[in-house]
């Protein structure tokens, strides 16, 4: 293999290798996203993308090592000798990596599912080899180590749960709950895109000396419109209280 003669030339080649690797990864990821058959389940796309990325970056690292005249066979042998020590130090990383492969292959969960684990509830956005990203109803993204999902029980909700909107509110004690329920349910059913099955529900959660705490739940057709519906019904609650 050709070896550069000076440090500047070495730096240029390393930069080209890194840029080329990044471009290849982006091109492959973009190509995978165009496969129509995977539009409903992006899990396999994320798996292939991660595996390809690791392979490409590993090859790039080997090329860079060769530029410095490092013997690849000796390096690999050394890695094998210290492998046990490294595995002990990085056991959590390895555990998450293997758990990610297990989750993706077993298809116990997939992108788009709604789950609840360790009091965290949300919709799965991304399953990577080491972590899984969950987005809750408030739009907050939580990154969960994959070993947490394989080592702990979790709730997997039915598909309609993905489209459920929950609004928690506190009502003054002088408000009649039956009248309030009728008003809000009517306003919910007037909105386009609200499902009639399951039907909207209002639950009384708790009563204190200051207010009655309730939860309003209803289901919609389009998950991406959750914030819009939540804002509309929240305004209706405020209007009813202040009228």
C-alpha atoms as a PDB file:
ATOM      1  CA  UNK A   1       0.000   0.000   0.000  1.00  0.00           C
ATOM      2  CA  UNK A   2       1.172   3.535  -0.799  1.00  0.00           C
ATOM      3  CA  UNK A   3       2.510   5.386   2.264  1.00  0.00           C
ATOM      4  CA  UNK A   4       2.637   9.210   2.353  1.00  0.00           C
ATOM      5  CA  UNK A   5       6.033  10.849   2.700  1.00  0.00           C
ATOM      6  CA  UNK A   6       5.191  13.720   5.062  1.00  0.00           C
ATOM      7  CA  UNK A   7       2.722  14.689   7.762  1.00  0.00           C
ATOM      8  CA  UNK A   8       0.854  17.194   5.591  1.00  0.00           C
ATOM      9  CA  UNK A   9       0.182  14.559   2.959  1.00  0.00           C
ATOM     10  CA  UNK A  10      -0.890  12.149   5.707  1.00  0.00           C
ATOM     11  CA  UNK A  11      -3.302  14.719   7.125  1.00  0.00           C
ATOM     12  CA  UNK A  12      -4.873  15.340   3.709  1.00  0.00           C
ATOM     13  CA  UNK A  13      -5.367  11.621   3.085  1.00  0.00           C
ATOM     14  CA  UNK A  14      -6.914  11.111   6.544  1.00  0.00           C
ATOM     15  CA  UNK A  15      -9.280  14.023   5.938  1.00  0.00           C
ATOM     16  CA  UNK A  16     -10.292  12.585   2.555  1.00  0.00           C
ATOM     17  CA  UNK A  17     -10.909   9.146   4.100  1.00  0.00           C
ATOM     18  CA  UNK A  18     -13.114  10.612   6.864  1.00  0.00           C
ATOM     19  CA  UNK A  19     -15.089  12.787   4.447  1.00  0.00           C
ATOM     20  CA  UNK A  20     -15.509   9.926   1.992  1.00  0.00           C
ATOM     21  CA  UNK A  21     -16.753   7.632   4.759  1.00  0.00           C
ATOM     22  CA  UNK A  22     -19.269  10.251   5.938  1.00  0.00           C
ATOM     23  CA  UNK A  23     -20.540  10.812   2.388  1.00  0.00           C
ATOM     24  CA  UNK A  24     -20.952   7.075   1.777  1.00  0.00           C
ATOM     25  CA  UNK A  25     -22.897   6.666   5.029  1.00  0.00           C
ATOM     26  CA  UNK A  26     -25.212   9.554   4.135  1.00  0.00           C
ATOM     27  CA  UNK A  27     -25.801   8.229   0.606  1.00  0.00           C
ATOM     28  CA  UNK A  28     -26.639   4.747   1.877  1.00  0.00           C
ATOM     29  CA  UNK A  29     -28.939   6.122   4.595  1.00  0.00           C
ATOM     30  CA  UNK A  30     -30.740   8.296   2.027  1.00  0.00           C
ATOM     31  CA  UNK A  31     -31.133   5.356  -0.347  1.00  0.00           C
ATOM     32  CA  UNK A  32     -32.572   3.148   2.402  1.00  0.00           C
ATOM     33  CA  UNK A  33     -35.148   5.780   3.334  1.00  0.00           C
ATOM     34  CA  UNK A  34     -36.587   5.600  -0.186  1.00  0.00           C
ATOM     35  CA  UNK A  35     -37.631   1.955   0.112  1.00  0.00           C
ATOM     36  CA  UNK A  36     -41.438   2.046   0.114  1.00  0.00           C
ATOM     37  CA  UNK A  37     -41.747  -1.407   1.692  1.00  0.00           C
ATOM     38  CA  UNK A  38     -40.199  -0.090   4.915  1.00  0.00           C
ATOM     39  CA  UNK A  39     -42.331   3.062   5.237  1.00  0.00           C
ATOM     40  CA  UNK A  40     -44.606   1.467   7.845  1.00  0.00           C
ATOM     41  CA  UNK A  41     -41.736   0.070   9.892  1.00  0.00           C
ATOM     42  CA  UNK A  42     -38.504   2.051   9.948  1.00  0.00           C
ATOM     43  CA  UNK A  43     -36.863  -0.298  12.459  1.00  0.00           C
ATOM     44  CA  UNK A  44     -35.015  -2.364   9.839  1.00  0.00           C
ATOM     45  CA  UNK A  45     -33.824   0.848   8.158  1.00  0.00           C
ATOM     46  CA  UNK A  46     -32.186   2.049  11.370  1.00  0.00           C
ATOM     47  CA  UNK A  47     -30.566  -1.378  11.892  1.00  0.00           C
ATOM     48  CA  UNK A  48     -29.069  -1.535   8.392  1.00  0.00           C
ATOM     49  CA  UNK A  49     -27.940   2.077   8.606  1.00  0.00           C
ATOM     50  CA  UNK A  50     -26.165   1.511  11.930  1.00  0.00           C
ATOM     51  CA  UNK A  51     -24.467  -1.699  10.780  1.00  0.00           C
ATOM     52  CA  UNK A  52     -23.284  -0.117   7.520  1.00  0.00           C
ATOM     53  CA  UNK A  53     -22.034   2.950   9.408  1.00  0.00           C
ATOM     54  CA  UNK A  54     -19.997   0.848  11.848  1.00  0.00           C
ATOM     55  CA  UNK A  55     -18.498  -1.211   9.008  1.00  0.00           C
ATOM     56  CA  UNK A  56     -17.545   1.822   6.942  1.00  0.00           C
ATOM     57  CA  UNK A  57     -16.008   3.670   9.874  1.00  0.00           C
ATOM     58  CA  UNK A  58     -14.115   0.540  10.931  1.00  0.00           C
ATOM     59  CA  UNK A  59     -12.660   0.168   7.425  1.00  0.00           C
ATOM     60  CA  UNK A  60     -11.737   3.866   7.467  1.00  0.00           C
ATOM     61  CA  UNK A  61      -9.957   3.392  10.797  1.00  0.00           C
ATOM     62  CA  UNK A  62      -7.968   0.466   9.387  1.00  0.00           C
ATOM     63  CA  UNK A  63      -6.929   2.572   6.390  1.00  0.00           C
ATOM     64  CA  UNK A  64      -5.783   5.412   8.649  1.00  0.00           C
ATOM     65  CA  UNK A  65      -3.775   2.994  10.807  1.00  0.00           C
ATOM     66  CA  UNK A  66      -2.019   1.698   7.708  1.00  0.00           C
ATOM     67  CA  UNK A  67      -1.097   5.256   6.766  1.00  0.00           C
ATOM     68  CA  UNK A  68       0.959   5.397   9.971  1.00  0.00           C
ATOM     69  CA  UNK A  69       2.595   2.061   9.169  1.00  0.00           C
ATOM     70  CA  UNK A  70       0.775   0.193  11.942  1.00  0.00           C
ATOM     71  CA  UNK A  71       0.656  -3.551  11.344  1.00  0.00           C
ATOM     72  CA  UNK A  72      -3.013  -4.493  11.107  1.00  0.00           C
ATOM     73  CA  UNK A  73      -2.404  -8.140  11.970  1.00  0.00           C
ATOM     74  CA  UNK A  74      -0.471  -7.176  15.055  1.00  0.00           C
ATOM     75  CA  UNK A  75      -3.102  -4.639  16.015  1.00  0.00           C
ATOM     76  CA  UNK A  76      -5.915  -7.165  15.670  1.00  0.00           C
ATOM     77  CA  UNK A  77      -3.909  -9.688  17.683  1.00  0.00           C
ATOM     78  CA  UNK A  78      -3.358  -7.113  20.412  1.00  0.00           C
ATOM     79  CA  UNK A  79      -7.060  -6.336  20.434  1.00  0.00           C
ATOM     80  CA  UNK A  80      -7.728 -10.023  20.915  1.00  0.00           C
ATOM     81  CA  UNK A  81      -5.316 -10.247  23.836  1.00  0.00           C
ATOM     82  CA  UNK A  82      -6.830  -7.287  25.667  1.00  0.00           C
ATOM     83  CA  UNK A  83     -10.355  -8.145  24.582  1.00  0.00           C
ATOM     84  CA  UNK A  84     -11.332  -9.600  27.948  1.00  0.00           C
ATOM     85  CA  UNK A  85     -10.181  -6.523  29.844  1.00  0.00           C
ATOM     86  CA  UNK A  86     -11.933  -4.199  27.393  1.00  0.00           C
ATOM     87  CA  UNK A  87     -15.151  -6.224  27.529  1.00  0.00           C
ATOM     88  CA  UNK A  88     -15.206  -5.966  31.323  1.00  0.00           C
ATOM     89  CA  UNK A  89     -14.684  -2.219  31.174  1.00  0.00           C
ATOM     90  CA  UNK A  90     -17.315  -1.773  28.470  1.00  0.00           C
ATOM     91  CA  UNK A  91     -19.816  -4.390  29.611  1.00  0.00           C
ATOM     92  CA  UNK A  92     -22.696  -1.879  29.652  1.00  0.00           C
ATOM     93  CA  UNK A  93     -21.886  -0.770  26.109  1.00  0.00           C
ATOM     94  CA  UNK A  94     -21.700  -4.368  24.897  1.00  0.00           C
ATOM     95  CA  UNK A  95     -24.905  -5.256  26.762  1.00  0.00           C
ATOM     96  CA  UNK A  96     -26.772  -2.379  25.117  1.00  0.00           C
ATOM     97  CA  UNK A  97     -25.360  -3.316  21.716  1.00  0.00           C
ATOM     98  CA  UNK A  98     -26.457  -6.955  21.987  1.00  0.00           C
ATOM     99  CA  UNK A  99     -29.823  -5.923  23.432  1.00  0.00           C
ATOM    100  CA  UNK A 100     -30.396  -3.656  20.434  1.00  0.00           C
ATOM    101  CA  UNK A 101     -29.756  -6.525  18.033  1.00  0.00           C
ATOM    102  CA  UNK A 102     -32.112  -8.753  20.058  1.00  0.00           C
ATOM    103  CA  UNK A 103     -34.884  -6.134  20.060  1.00  0.00           C
ATOM    104  CA  UNK A 104     -34.656  -5.572  16.319  1.00  0.00           C
ATOM    105  CA  UNK A 105     -34.421  -9.243  15.348  1.00  0.00           C
ATOM    106  CA  UNK A 106     -37.185 -10.410  17.704  1.00  0.00           C
ATOM    107  CA  UNK A 107     -39.463  -7.511  16.676  1.00  0.00           C
ATOM    108  CA  UNK A 108     -40.823  -7.359  20.230  1.00  0.00           C
ATOM    109  CA  UNK A 109     -41.080  -3.611  19.668  1.00  0.00           C
ATOM    110  CA  UNK A 110     -40.762  -1.464  16.571  1.00  0.00           C
ATOM    111  CA  UNK A 111     -40.711   2.167  15.507  1.00  0.00           C
ATOM    112  CA  UNK A 112     -44.176   3.658  15.989  1.00  0.00           C
ATOM    113  CA  UNK A 113     -45.165   1.463  18.958  1.00  0.00           C
ATOM    114  CA  UNK A 114     -46.365   3.072  22.180  1.00  0.00           C
ATOM    115  CA  UNK A 115     -44.737   1.635  25.289  1.00  0.00           C
ATOM    116  CA  UNK A 116     -44.366   2.415  28.983  1.00  0.00           C
ATOM    117  CA  UNK A 117     -41.281   1.441  30.982  1.00  0.00           C
ATOM    118  CA  UNK A 118     -40.053   2.711  34.359  1.00  0.00           C
ATOM    119  CA  UNK A 119     -42.944   5.230  34.392  1.00  0.00           C
ATOM    120  CA  UNK A 120     -41.825   6.567  30.994  1.00  0.00           C
ATOM    121  CA  UNK A 121     -44.579   6.403  28.383  1.00  0.00           C
ATOM    122  CA  UNK A 122     -44.285   7.452  24.769  1.00  0.00           C
ATOM    123  CA  UNK A 123     -43.981   6.493  21.126  1.00  0.00           C
ATOM    124  CA  UNK A 124     -40.807   4.861  19.840  1.00  0.00           C
ATOM    125  CA  UNK A 125     -39.090   7.121  17.313  1.00  0.00           C
ATOM    126  CA  UNK A 126     -35.758   5.381  16.747  1.00  0.00           C
ATOM    127  CA  UNK A 127     -34.296   1.993  17.670  1.00  0.00           C
ATOM    128  CA  UNK A 128     -30.516   2.054  17.358  1.00  0.00           C
ATOM    129  CA  UNK A 129     -27.985  -0.600  18.241  1.00  0.00           C
ATOM    130  CA  UNK A 130     -27.257   0.920  21.651  1.00  0.00           C
ATOM    131  CA  UNK A 131     -30.264   3.062  22.574  1.00  0.00           C
ATOM    132  CA  UNK A 132     -33.946   3.566  21.857  1.00  0.00           C
ATOM    133  CA  UNK A 133     -35.524   7.030  21.629  1.00  0.00           C
ATOM    134  CA  UNK A 134     -39.053   7.523  23.002  1.00  0.00           C
ATOM    135  CA  UNK A 135     -41.161  10.661  22.511  1.00  0.00           C
ATOM    136  CA  UNK A 136     -43.783  11.353  25.186  1.00  0.00           C
ATOM    137  CA  UNK A 137     -47.069  13.275  24.853  1.00  0.00           C
ATOM    138  CA  UNK A 138     -45.322  16.524  25.761  1.00  0.00           C
ATOM    139  CA  UNK A 139     -42.890  16.175  22.865  1.00  0.00           C
ATOM    140  CA  UNK A 140     -39.967  15.339  25.151  1.00  0.00           C
ATOM    141  CA  UNK A 141     -37.550  12.766  23.742  1.00  0.00           C
ATOM    142  CA  UNK A 142     -36.142  10.228  26.201  1.00  0.00           C
ATOM    143  CA  UNK A 143     -33.174   8.031  25.335  1.00  0.00           C
ATOM    144  CA  UNK A 144     -33.390   4.593  26.954  1.00  0.00           C
ATOM    145  CA  UNK A 145     -30.481   2.088  26.968  1.00  0.00           C
ATOM    146  CA  UNK A 146     -31.519  -1.042  25.090  1.00  0.00           C
ATOM    147  CA  UNK A 147     -30.501  -3.258  28.020  1.00  0.00           C
ATOM    148  CA  UNK A 148     -33.228  -1.534  30.053  1.00  0.00           C
ATOM    149  CA  UNK A 149     -35.833  -2.738  27.555  1.00  0.00           C
ATOM    150  CA  UNK A 150     -34.589  -6.326  27.550  1.00  0.00           C
ATOM    151  CA  UNK A 151     -34.012  -6.626  31.309  1.00  0.00           C
ATOM    152  CA  UNK A 152     -37.195  -4.952  32.578  1.00  0.00           C
ATOM    153  CA  UNK A 153     -40.918  -5.538  31.948  1.00  0.00           C
ATOM    154  CA  UNK A 154     -42.648  -2.905  29.832  1.00  0.00           C
ATOM    155  CA  UNK A 155     -46.188  -2.216  28.667  1.00  0.00           C
ATOM    156  CA  UNK A 156     -46.852  -2.396  24.925  1.00  0.00           C
ATOM    157  CA  UNK A 157     -50.071  -0.559  24.108  1.00  0.00           C
ATOM    158  CA  UNK A 158     -52.411  -1.393  21.264  1.00  0.00           C
ATOM    159  CA  UNK A 159     -52.082   0.733  18.097  1.00  0.00           C
ATOM    160  CA  UNK A 160     -54.962   3.150  18.986  1.00  0.00           C
ATOM    161  CA  UNK A 161     -52.997   4.222  22.070  1.00  0.00           C
ATOM    162  CA  UNK A 162     -50.567   6.006  19.767  1.00  0.00           C
ATOM    163  CA  UNK A 163     -53.322   8.391  18.777  1.00  0.00           C
ATOM    164  CA  UNK A 164     -54.644   9.109  22.276  1.00  0.00           C
ATOM    165  CA  UNK A 165     -54.570  12.605  23.705  1.00  0.00           C
ATOM    166  CA  UNK A 166     -54.564  13.069  27.481  1.00  0.00           C
ATOM    167  CA  UNK A 167     -55.264  16.464  29.031  1.00  0.00           C
ATOM    168  CA  UNK A 168     -55.020  16.939  32.789  1.00  0.00           C
ATOM    169  CA  UNK A 169     -56.901  19.872  34.284  1.00  0.00           C
ATOM    170  CA  UNK A 170     -58.031  21.292  37.615  1.00  0.00           C
ATOM    171  CA  UNK A 171     -61.612  22.570  37.901  1.00  0.00           C
ATOM    172  CA  UNK A 172     -62.948  24.964  40.561  1.00  0.00           C
ATOM    173  CA  UNK A 173     -65.209  23.254  43.087  1.00  0.00           C
ATOM    174  CA  UNK A 174     -68.273  25.257  42.039  1.00  0.00           C
ATOM    175  CA  UNK A 175     -68.328  23.700  38.554  1.00  0.00           C
ATOM    176  CA  UNK A 176     -70.911  21.012  37.882  1.00  0.00           C
ATOM    177  CA  UNK A 177     -69.018  18.006  36.508  1.00  0.00           C
ATOM    178  CA  UNK A 178     -71.957  16.617  34.518  1.00  0.00           C
ATOM    179  CA  UNK A 179     -72.481  19.910  32.704  1.00  0.00           C
ATOM    180  CA  UNK A 180     -68.742  20.305  32.119  1.00  0.00           C
ATOM    181  CA  UNK A 181     -68.454  16.765  30.763  1.00  0.00           C
ATOM    182  CA  UNK A 182     -71.315  17.285  28.327  1.00  0.00           C
ATOM    183  CA  UNK A 183     -69.828  20.561  27.083  1.00  0.00           C
ATOM    184  CA  UNK A 184     -66.284  19.255  26.553  1.00  0.00           C
ATOM    185  CA  UNK A 185     -67.367  15.955  24.963  1.00  0.00           C
ATOM    186  CA  UNK A 186     -69.535  17.929  22.532  1.00  0.00           C
ATOM    187  CA  UNK A 187     -66.628  20.215  21.628  1.00  0.00           C
ATOM    188  CA  UNK A 188     -64.320  17.224  21.122  1.00  0.00           C
ATOM    189  CA  UNK A 189     -66.795  15.455  18.824  1.00  0.00           C
ATOM    190  CA  UNK A 190     -67.173  18.611  16.728  1.00  0.00           C
ATOM    191  CA  UNK A 191     -63.503  18.457  15.720  1.00  0.00           C
ATOM    192  CA  UNK A 192     -62.574  16.820  12.419  1.00  0.00           C
ATOM    193  CA  UNK A 193     -60.339  13.790  12.763  1.00  0.00           C
ATOM    194  CA  UNK A 194     -61.525  12.728  16.232  1.00  0.00           C
ATOM    195  CA  UNK A 195     -62.333   9.022  16.465  1.00  0.00           C
ATOM    196  CA  UNK A 196     -65.739   7.920  17.723  1.00  0.00           C
ATOM    197  CA  UNK A 197     -64.296   4.563  18.749  1.00  0.00           C
ATOM    198  CA  UNK A 198     -62.837   4.547  21.342  1.00  0.00           C
ATOM    199  CA  UNK A 199     -65.150   7.351  22.435  1.00  0.00           C
ATOM    200  CA  UNK A 200     -63.894  10.421  24.343  1.00  0.00           C
ATOM    201  CA  UNK A 201     -63.840  10.015  28.115  1.00  0.00           C
ATOM    202  CA  UNK A 202     -63.433  12.268  31.145  1.00  0.00           C
ATOM    203  CA  UNK A 203     -62.163  10.855  34.440  1.00  0.00           C
ATOM    204  CA  UNK A 204     -62.333  12.459  37.896  1.00  0.00           C
ATOM    205  CA  UNK A 205     -58.887  11.780  39.368  1.00  0.00           C
ATOM    206  CA  UNK A 206     -58.833  13.596  42.692  1.00  0.00           C
ATOM    207  CA  UNK A 207     -60.678  16.241  44.732  1.00  0.00           C
ATOM    208  CA  UNK A 208     -58.957  18.692  47.073  1.00  0.00           C
ATOM    209  CA  UNK A 209     -60.092  21.718  49.067  1.00  0.00           C
ATOM    210  CA  UNK A 210     -59.253  23.906  46.065  1.00  0.00           C
ATOM    211  CA  UNK A 211     -60.136  21.974  42.909  1.00  0.00           C
ATOM    212  CA  UNK A 212     -61.287  18.801  41.223  1.00  0.00           C
ATOM    213  CA  UNK A 213     -58.539  17.162  39.180  1.00  0.00           C
ATOM    214  CA  UNK A 214     -59.695  15.483  35.970  1.00  0.00           C
ATOM    215  CA  UNK A 215     -58.216  13.771  32.939  1.00  0.00           C
ATOM    216  CA  UNK A 216     -59.698  14.094  29.448  1.00  0.00           C
ATOM    217  CA  UNK A 217     -58.877  11.366  26.936  1.00  0.00           C
ATOM    218  CA  UNK A 218     -59.782  11.110  23.261  1.00  0.00           C
ATOM    219  CA  UNK A 219     -58.339   9.550  20.132  1.00  0.00           C
ATOM    220  CA  UNK A 220     -57.481  11.117  16.774  1.00  0.00           C
ATOM    221  CA  UNK A 221     -56.606   9.886  13.282  1.00  0.00           C
ATOM    222  CA  UNK A 222     -53.374  11.819  12.754  1.00  0.00           C
ATOM    223  CA  UNK A 223     -50.670  11.470  15.403  1.00  0.00           C
ATOM    224  CA  UNK A 224     -48.746  14.520  14.164  1.00  0.00           C
ATOM    225  CA  UNK A 225     -51.739  16.777  14.978  1.00  0.00           C
ATOM    226  CA  UNK A 226     -51.824  15.934  18.687  1.00  0.00           C
ATOM    227  CA  UNK A 227     -50.520  19.317  19.806  1.00  0.00           C
ATOM    228  CA  UNK A 228     -53.148  21.180  17.738  1.00  0.00           C
ATOM    229  CA  UNK A 229     -56.026  19.203  19.233  1.00  0.00           C
ATOM    230  CA  UNK A 230     -54.610  19.566  22.729  1.00  0.00           C
ATOM    231  CA  UNK A 231     -54.394  23.344  22.322  1.00  0.00           C
ATOM    232  CA  UNK A 232     -57.996  23.621  21.058  1.00  0.00           C
ATOM    233  CA  UNK A 233     -59.514  21.598  23.904  1.00  0.00           C
ATOM    234  CA  UNK A 234     -57.356  23.346  26.518  1.00  0.00           C
ATOM    235  CA  UNK A 235     -58.760  26.668  25.314  1.00  0.00           C
ATOM    236  CA  UNK A 236     -62.296  25.255  25.540  1.00  0.00           C
ATOM    237  CA  UNK A 237     -61.626  24.250  29.166  1.00  0.00           C
ATOM    238  CA  UNK A 238     -60.398  27.751  29.983  1.00  0.00           C
ATOM    239  CA  UNK A 239     -63.392  29.286  28.246  1.00  0.00           C
ATOM    240  CA  UNK A 240     -65.817  27.140  30.224  1.00  0.00           C
ATOM    241  CA  UNK A 241     -64.157  27.961  33.555  1.00  0.00           C
ATOM    242  CA  UNK A 242     -64.028  31.719  32.866  1.00  0.00           C
ATOM    243  CA  UNK A 243     -67.457  32.195  31.329  1.00  0.00           C
END
